[in-house]
Amino acid sequence: RNKMAYYLFKALCFVFGLNDMSREDGLVSILRGFKKADLLAYSKALKLKYFSIKWKWAFRYQWIIKTA
């Protein structure tokens, strides 16, 4: 869901000559990835008290749910 990630991946596929299946799978994964707002909404719906959401390299979020 990040435009930059989507287009960078397309460029890398072109540069490295990835096959169609790898390219399409990667692009679908980018389009279906979670946004921070999604993770916050899930945390609220699950009534989580202790969790963290951190931005990580390669346009990813790390969602840590603390238990006990």
PDB file of N, CA and C in Angstrom:
ATOM      1  N   ARG A   1       0.810  -1.199   0.000  1.00  0.00           N
ATOM      2  CA  ARG A   1       0.000   0.000   0.000  1.00  0.00           C
ATOM      3  C   ARG A   1       0.848   1.255   0.000  1.00  0.00           C
ATOM      4  N   ASN A   2       2.098   1.073  -0.235  1.00  0.00           N
ATOM      5  CA  ASN A   2       3.001   2.215  -0.293  1.00  0.00           C
ATOM      6  C   ASN A   2       3.432   2.395  -1.746  1.00  0.00           C
ATOM      7  N   LYS A   3       3.142   3.554  -2.304  1.00  0.00           N
ATOM      8  CA  LYS A   3       3.441   3.792  -3.719  1.00  0.00           C
ATOM      9  C   LYS A   3       4.927   3.663  -4.018  1.00  0.00           C
ATOM     10  N   MET A   4       5.751   4.186  -3.124  1.00  0.00           N
ATOM     11  CA  MET A   4       7.190   4.129  -3.366  1.00  0.00           C
ATOM     12  C   MET A   4       7.674   2.678  -3.387  1.00  0.00           C
ATOM     13  N   ALA A   5       7.208   1.872  -2.433  1.00  0.00           N
ATOM     14  CA  ALA A   5       7.599   0.461  -2.395  1.00  0.00           C
ATOM     15  C   ALA A   5       7.159  -0.249  -3.673  1.00  0.00           C
ATOM     16  N   TYR A   6       5.958   0.043  -4.113  1.00  0.00           N
ATOM     17  CA  TYR A   6       5.407  -0.593  -5.307  1.00  0.00           C
ATOM     18  C   TYR A   6       6.271  -0.308  -6.537  1.00  0.00           C
ATOM     19  N   TYR A   7       6.576   0.965  -6.751  1.00  0.00           N
ATOM     20  CA  TYR A   7       7.337   1.339  -7.948  1.00  0.00           C
ATOM     21  C   TYR A   7       8.819   0.973  -7.845  1.00  0.00           C
ATOM     22  N   LEU A   8       9.377   1.014  -6.650  1.00  0.00           N
ATOM     23  CA  LEU A   8      10.762   0.552  -6.484  1.00  0.00           C
ATOM     24  C   LEU A   8      10.870  -0.937  -6.789  1.00  0.00           C
ATOM     25  N   PHE A   9       9.874  -1.706  -6.330  1.00  0.00           N
ATOM     26  CA  PHE A   9       9.892  -3.139  -6.602  1.00  0.00           C
ATOM     27  C   PHE A   9       9.766  -3.406  -8.102  1.00  0.00           C
ATOM     28  N   LYS A  10       8.900  -2.651  -8.769  1.00  0.00           N
ATOM     29  CA  LYS A  10       8.765  -2.811 -10.224  1.00  0.00           C
ATOM     30  C   LYS A  10      10.097  -2.534 -10.923  1.00  0.00           C
ATOM     31  N   ALA A  11      10.788  -1.496 -10.475  1.00  0.00           N
ATOM     32  CA  ALA A  11      12.085  -1.151 -11.068  1.00  0.00           C
ATOM     33  C   ALA A  11      13.109  -2.252 -10.812  1.00  0.00           C
ATOM     34  N   LEU A  12      13.132  -2.783  -9.595  1.00  0.00           N
ATOM     35  CA  LEU A  12      14.070  -3.864  -9.276  1.00  0.00           C
ATOM     36  C   LEU A  12      13.781  -5.109 -10.110  1.00  0.00           C
ATOM     37  N   CYS A  13      12.519  -5.397 -10.323  1.00  0.00           N
ATOM     38  CA  CYS A  13      12.155  -6.543 -11.164  1.00  0.00           C
ATOM     39  C   CYS A  13      12.701  -6.368 -12.573  1.00  0.00           C
ATOM     40  N   PHE A  14      12.619  -5.159 -13.090  1.00  0.00           N
ATOM     41  CA  PHE A  14      13.133  -4.877 -14.427  1.00  0.00           C
ATOM     42  C   PHE A  14      14.651  -5.018 -14.458  1.00  0.00           C
ATOM     43  N   VAL A  15      15.324  -4.428 -13.469  1.00  0.00           N
ATOM     44  CA  VAL A  15      16.795  -4.448 -13.423  1.00  0.00           C
ATOM     45  C   VAL A  15      17.323  -5.872 -13.286  1.00  0.00           C
ATOM     46  N   PHE A  16      16.693  -6.659 -12.403  1.00  0.00           N
ATOM     47  CA  PHE A  16      17.190  -8.006 -12.141  1.00  0.00           C
ATOM     48  C   PHE A  16      16.504  -9.078 -12.978  1.00  0.00           C
ATOM     49  N   GLY A  17      15.559  -8.693 -13.804  1.00  0.00           N
ATOM     50  CA  GLY A  17      14.913  -9.640 -14.706  1.00  0.00           C
ATOM     51  C   GLY A  17      14.134 -10.735 -14.005  1.00  0.00           C
ATOM     52  N   LEU A  18      13.414 -10.376 -12.946  1.00  0.00           N
ATOM     53  CA  LEU A  18      12.618 -11.386 -12.244  1.00  0.00           C
ATOM     54  C   LEU A  18      11.505 -11.903 -13.146  1.00  0.00           C
ATOM     55  N   ASN A  19      11.141 -13.159 -12.942  1.00  0.00           N
ATOM     56  CA  ASN A  19      10.093 -13.739 -13.784  1.00  0.00           C
ATOM     57  C   ASN A  19       8.727 -13.158 -13.414  1.00  0.00           C
ATOM     58  N   ASP A  20       7.746 -13.407 -14.268  1.00  0.00           N
ATOM     59  CA  ASP A  20       6.410 -12.827 -14.091  1.00  0.00           C
ATOM     60  C   ASP A  20       5.775 -13.215 -12.760  1.00  0.00           C
ATOM     61  N   MET A  21       5.923 -14.475 -12.372  1.00  0.00           N
ATOM     62  CA  MET A  21       5.307 -14.931 -11.129  1.00  0.00           C
ATOM     63  C   MET A  21       5.894 -14.193  -9.927  1.00  0.00           C
ATOM     64  N   SER A  22       7.200 -14.055  -9.874  1.00  0.00           N
ATOM     65  CA  SER A  22       7.848 -13.352  -8.766  1.00  0.00           C
ATOM     66  C   SER A  22       7.429 -11.891  -8.733  1.00  0.00           C
ATOM     67  N   ARG A  23       7.381 -11.283  -9.901  1.00  0.00           N
ATOM     68  CA  ARG A  23       6.984  -9.874  -9.977  1.00  0.00           C
ATOM     69  C   ARG A  23       5.552  -9.690  -9.490  1.00  0.00           C
ATOM     70  N   GLU A  24       4.633 -10.488 -10.007  1.00  0.00           N
ATOM     71  CA  GLU A  24       3.222 -10.346  -9.634  1.00  0.00           C
ATOM     72  C   GLU A  24       2.999 -10.652  -8.158  1.00  0.00           C
ATOM     73  N   ASP A  25       3.664 -11.682  -7.643  1.00  0.00           N
ATOM     74  CA  ASP A  25       3.521 -12.037  -6.233  1.00  0.00           C
ATOM     75  C   ASP A  25       4.013 -10.902  -5.339  1.00  0.00           C
ATOM     76  N   GLY A  26       5.134 -10.326  -5.685  1.00  0.00           N
ATOM     77  CA  GLY A  26       5.675  -9.219  -4.904  1.00  0.00           C
ATOM     78  C   GLY A  26       4.779  -8.003  -4.928  1.00  0.00           C
ATOM     79  N   LEU A  27       4.255  -7.673  -6.096  1.00  0.00           N
ATOM     80  CA  LEU A  27       3.378  -6.505  -6.216  1.00  0.00           C
ATOM     81  C   LEU A  27       2.071  -6.704  -5.455  1.00  0.00           C
ATOM     82  N   VAL A  28       1.525  -7.914  -5.510  1.00  0.00           N
ATOM     83  CA  VAL A  28       0.301  -8.206  -4.749  1.00  0.00           C
ATOM     84  C   VAL A  28       0.577  -8.096  -3.252  1.00  0.00           C
ATOM     85  N   SER A  29       1.715  -8.599  -2.812  1.00  0.00           N
ATOM     86  CA  SER A  29       2.072  -8.511  -1.393  1.00  0.00           C
ATOM     87  C   SER A  29       2.170  -7.062  -0.937  1.00  0.00           C
ATOM     88  N   ILE A  30       2.733  -6.222  -1.766  1.00  0.00           N
ATOM     89  CA  ILE A  30       2.850  -4.799  -1.423  1.00  0.00           C
ATOM     90  C   ILE A  30       1.462  -4.167  -1.343  1.00  0.00           C
ATOM     91  N   LEU A  31       0.611  -4.463  -2.301  1.00  0.00           N
ATOM     92  CA  LEU A  31      -0.728  -3.865  -2.318  1.00  0.00           C
ATOM     93  C   LEU A  31      -1.595  -4.315  -1.148  1.00  0.00           C
ATOM     94  N   ARG A  32      -1.370  -5.524  -0.661  1.00  0.00           N
ATOM     95  CA  ARG A  32      -2.208  -6.068   0.412  1.00  0.00           C
ATOM     96  C   ARG A  32      -1.594  -5.915   1.800  1.00  0.00           C
ATOM     97  N   GLY A  33      -0.471  -5.253   1.889  1.00  0.00           N
ATOM     98  CA  GLY A  33       0.192  -5.087   3.179  1.00  0.00           C
ATOM     99  C   GLY A  33      -0.604  -4.209   4.133  1.00  0.00           C
ATOM    100  N   PHE A  34      -0.348  -4.382   5.427  1.00  0.00           N
ATOM    101  CA  PHE A  34      -1.038  -3.596   6.444  1.00  0.00           C
ATOM    102  C   PHE A  34      -0.476  -2.190   6.532  1.00  0.00           C
ATOM    103  N   LYS A  35      -1.360  -1.249   6.817  1.00  0.00           N
ATOM    104  CA  LYS A  35      -0.958   0.116   7.140  1.00  0.00           C
ATOM    105  C   LYS A  35      -1.014   0.261   8.655  1.00  0.00           C
ATOM    106  N   LYS A  36      -0.359   1.295   9.158  1.00  0.00           N
ATOM    107  CA  LYS A  36      -0.352   1.509  10.602  1.00  0.00           C
ATOM    108  C   LYS A  36      -1.776   1.656  11.137  1.00  0.00           C
ATOM    109  N   ALA A  37      -2.615   2.359  10.402  1.00  0.00           N
ATOM    110  CA  ALA A  37      -4.006   2.545  10.834  1.00  0.00           C
ATOM    111  C   ALA A  37      -4.738   1.209  10.967  1.00  0.00           C
ATOM    112  N   ASP A  38      -4.439   0.261  10.093  1.00  0.00           N
ATOM    113  CA  ASP A  38      -5.046  -1.073  10.181  1.00  0.00           C
ATOM    114  C   ASP A  38      -4.654  -1.746  11.490  1.00  0.00           C
ATOM    115  N   LEU A  39      -3.364  -1.707  11.799  1.00  0.00           N
ATOM    116  CA  LEU A  39      -2.874  -2.362  13.013  1.00  0.00           C
ATOM    117  C   LEU A  39      -3.428  -1.693  14.265  1.00  0.00           C
ATOM    118  N   LEU A  40      -3.548  -0.373  14.242  1.00  0.00           N
ATOM    119  CA  LEU A  40      -4.147   0.336  15.379  1.00  0.00           C
ATOM    120  C   LEU A  40      -5.619  -0.049  15.547  1.00  0.00           C
ATOM    121  N   ALA A  41      -6.336  -0.169  14.445  1.00  0.00           N
ATOM    122  CA  ALA A  41      -7.746  -0.566  14.507  1.00  0.00           C
ATOM    123  C   ALA A  41      -7.896  -1.984  15.052  1.00  0.00           C
ATOM    124  N   TYR A  42      -7.028  -2.895  14.627  1.00  0.00           N
ATOM    125  CA  TYR A  42      -7.070  -4.264  15.151  1.00  0.00           C
ATOM    126  C   TYR A  42      -6.745  -4.283  16.636  1.00  0.00           C
ATOM    127  N   SER A  43      -5.781  -3.486  17.040  1.00  0.00           N
ATOM    128  CA  SER A  43      -5.405  -3.416  18.455  1.00  0.00           C
ATOM    129  C   SER A  43      -6.580  -2.930  19.296  1.00  0.00           C
ATOM    130  N   LYS A  44      -7.279  -1.943  18.783  1.00  0.00           N
ATOM    131  CA  LYS A  44      -8.445  -1.408  19.494  1.00  0.00           C
ATOM    132  C   LYS A  44      -9.568  -2.443  19.536  1.00  0.00           C
ATOM    133  N   ALA A  45      -9.838  -3.090  18.413  1.00  0.00           N
ATOM    134  CA  ALA A  45     -10.900  -4.096  18.342  1.00  0.00           C
ATOM    135  C   ALA A  45     -10.621  -5.277  19.266  1.00  0.00           C
ATOM    136  N   LEU A  46      -9.344  -5.621  19.417  1.00  0.00           N
ATOM    137  CA  LEU A  46      -8.950  -6.725  20.294  1.00  0.00           C
ATOM    138  C   LEU A  46      -8.775  -6.283  21.745  1.00  0.00           C
ATOM    139  N   LYS A  47      -8.956  -4.985  21.985  1.00  0.00           N
ATOM    140  CA  LYS A  47      -8.818  -4.399  23.320  1.00  0.00           C
ATOM    141  C   LYS A  47      -7.451  -4.688  23.927  1.00  0.00           C
ATOM    142  N   LEU A  48      -6.430  -4.540  23.114  1.00  0.00           N
ATOM    143  CA  LEU A  48      -5.067  -4.764  23.586  1.00  0.00           C
ATOM    144  C   LEU A  48      -4.614  -3.566  24.404  1.00  0.00           C
ATOM    145  N   LYS A  49      -3.971  -3.840  25.525  1.00  0.00           N
ATOM    146  CA  LYS A  49      -3.465  -2.759  26.370  1.00  0.00           C
ATOM    147  C   LYS A  49      -1.993  -2.489  26.104  1.00  0.00           C
ATOM    148  N   TYR A  50      -1.250  -3.543  25.844  1.00  0.00           N
ATOM    149  CA  TYR A  50       0.198  -3.411  25.706  1.00  0.00           C
ATOM    150  C   TYR A  50       0.650  -3.922  24.339  1.00  0.00           C
ATOM    151  N   PHE A  51       0.951  -2.993  23.482  1.00  0.00           N
ATOM    152  CA  PHE A  51       1.435  -3.346  22.152  1.00  0.00           C
ATOM    153  C   PHE A  51       2.278  -2.192  21.628  1.00  0.00           C
ATOM    154  N   SER A  52       3.072  -2.495  20.625  1.00  0.00           N
ATOM    155  CA  SER A  52       3.836  -1.436  19.963  1.00  0.00           C
ATOM    156  C   SER A  52       3.830  -1.694  18.461  1.00  0.00           C
ATOM    157  N   ILE A  53       3.861  -0.609  17.727  1.00  0.00           N
ATOM    158  CA  ILE A  53       3.919  -0.675  16.271  1.00  0.00           C
ATOM    159  C   ILE A  53       5.095   0.195  15.858  1.00  0.00           C
ATOM    160  N   LYS A  54       6.067  -0.428  15.210  1.00  0.00           N
ATOM    161  CA  LYS A  54       7.276   0.298  14.810  1.00  0.00           C
ATOM    162  C   LYS A  54       7.493   0.172  13.306  1.00  0.00           C
ATOM    163  N   TRP A  55       7.961   1.253  12.723  1.00  0.00           N
ATOM    164  CA  TRP A  55       8.319   1.285  11.303  1.00  0.00           C
ATOM    165  C   TRP A  55       9.669   0.608  11.137  1.00  0.00           C
ATOM    166  N   LYS A  56       9.761  -0.292  10.191  1.00  0.00           N
ATOM    167  CA  LYS A  56      11.000  -1.016   9.926  1.00  0.00           C
ATOM    168  C   LYS A  56      11.415  -0.835   8.470  1.00  0.00           C
ATOM    169  N   TRP A  57      12.627  -1.222   8.204  1.00  0.00           N
ATOM    170  CA  TRP A  57      13.187  -1.136   6.866  1.00  0.00           C
ATOM    171  C   TRP A  57      12.312  -1.888   5.865  1.00  0.00           C
ATOM    172  N   ALA A  58      12.391  -1.479   4.636  1.00  0.00           N
ATOM    173  CA  ALA A  58      11.687  -2.110   3.502  1.00  0.00           C
ATOM    174  C   ALA A  58      10.170  -1.916   3.601  1.00  0.00           C
ATOM    175  N   PHE A  59       9.761  -0.746   4.101  1.00  0.00           N
ATOM    176  CA  PHE A  59       8.344  -0.380   4.117  1.00  0.00           C
ATOM    177  C   PHE A  59       7.488  -1.368   4.894  1.00  0.00           C
ATOM    178  N   ARG A  60       7.960  -1.730   6.077  1.00  0.00           N
ATOM    179  CA  ARG A  60       7.242  -2.713   6.894  1.00  0.00           C
ATOM    180  C   ARG A  60       6.978  -2.169   8.290  1.00  0.00           C
ATOM    181  N   TYR A  61       5.916  -2.682   8.893  1.00  0.00           N
ATOM    182  CA  TYR A  61       5.628  -2.381  10.292  1.00  0.00           C
ATOM    183  C   TYR A  61       5.850  -3.636  11.116  1.00  0.00           C
ATOM    184  N   GLN A  62       6.331  -3.427  12.330  1.00  0.00           N
ATOM    185  CA  GLN A  62       6.494  -4.519  13.281  1.00  0.00           C
ATOM    186  C   GLN A  62       5.461  -4.286  14.380  1.00  0.00           C
ATOM    187  N   TRP A  63       4.559  -5.243  14.554  1.00  0.00           N
ATOM    188  CA  TRP A  63       3.494  -5.140  15.553  1.00  0.00           C
ATOM    189  C   TRP A  63       3.808  -6.144  16.645  1.00  0.00           C
ATOM    190  N   ILE A  64       4.126  -5.653  17.813  1.00  0.00           N
ATOM    191  CA  ILE A  64       4.468  -6.519  18.942  1.00  0.00           C
ATOM    192  C   ILE A  64       3.354  -6.425  19.972  1.00  0.00           C
ATOM    193  N   ILE A  65       2.796  -7.576  20.318  1.00  0.00           N
ATOM    194  CA  ILE A  65       1.745  -7.655  21.324  1.00  0.00           C
ATOM    195  C   ILE A  65       2.358  -8.287  22.564  1.00  0.00           C
ATOM    196  N   LYS A  66       2.332  -7.531  23.645  1.00  0.00           N
ATOM    197  CA  LYS A  66       2.918  -8.016  24.897  1.00  0.00           C
ATOM    198  C   LYS A  66       1.852  -8.758  25.689  1.00  0.00           C
ATOM    199  N   THR A  67       2.222  -9.921  26.188  1.00  0.00           N
ATOM    200  CA  THR A  67       1.298 -10.725  26.985  1.00  0.00           C
ATOM    201  C   THR A  67       1.844 -10.887  28.389  1.00  0.00           C
ATOM    202  N   ALA A  68       0.941 -11.126  29.297  1.00  0.00           N
ATOM    203  CA  ALA A  68       1.249 -11.346  30.725  1.00  0.00           C
ATOM    204  C   ALA A  68       2.173 -10.355  31.257  1.00  0.00           C
TER     205      ALA A  68
END
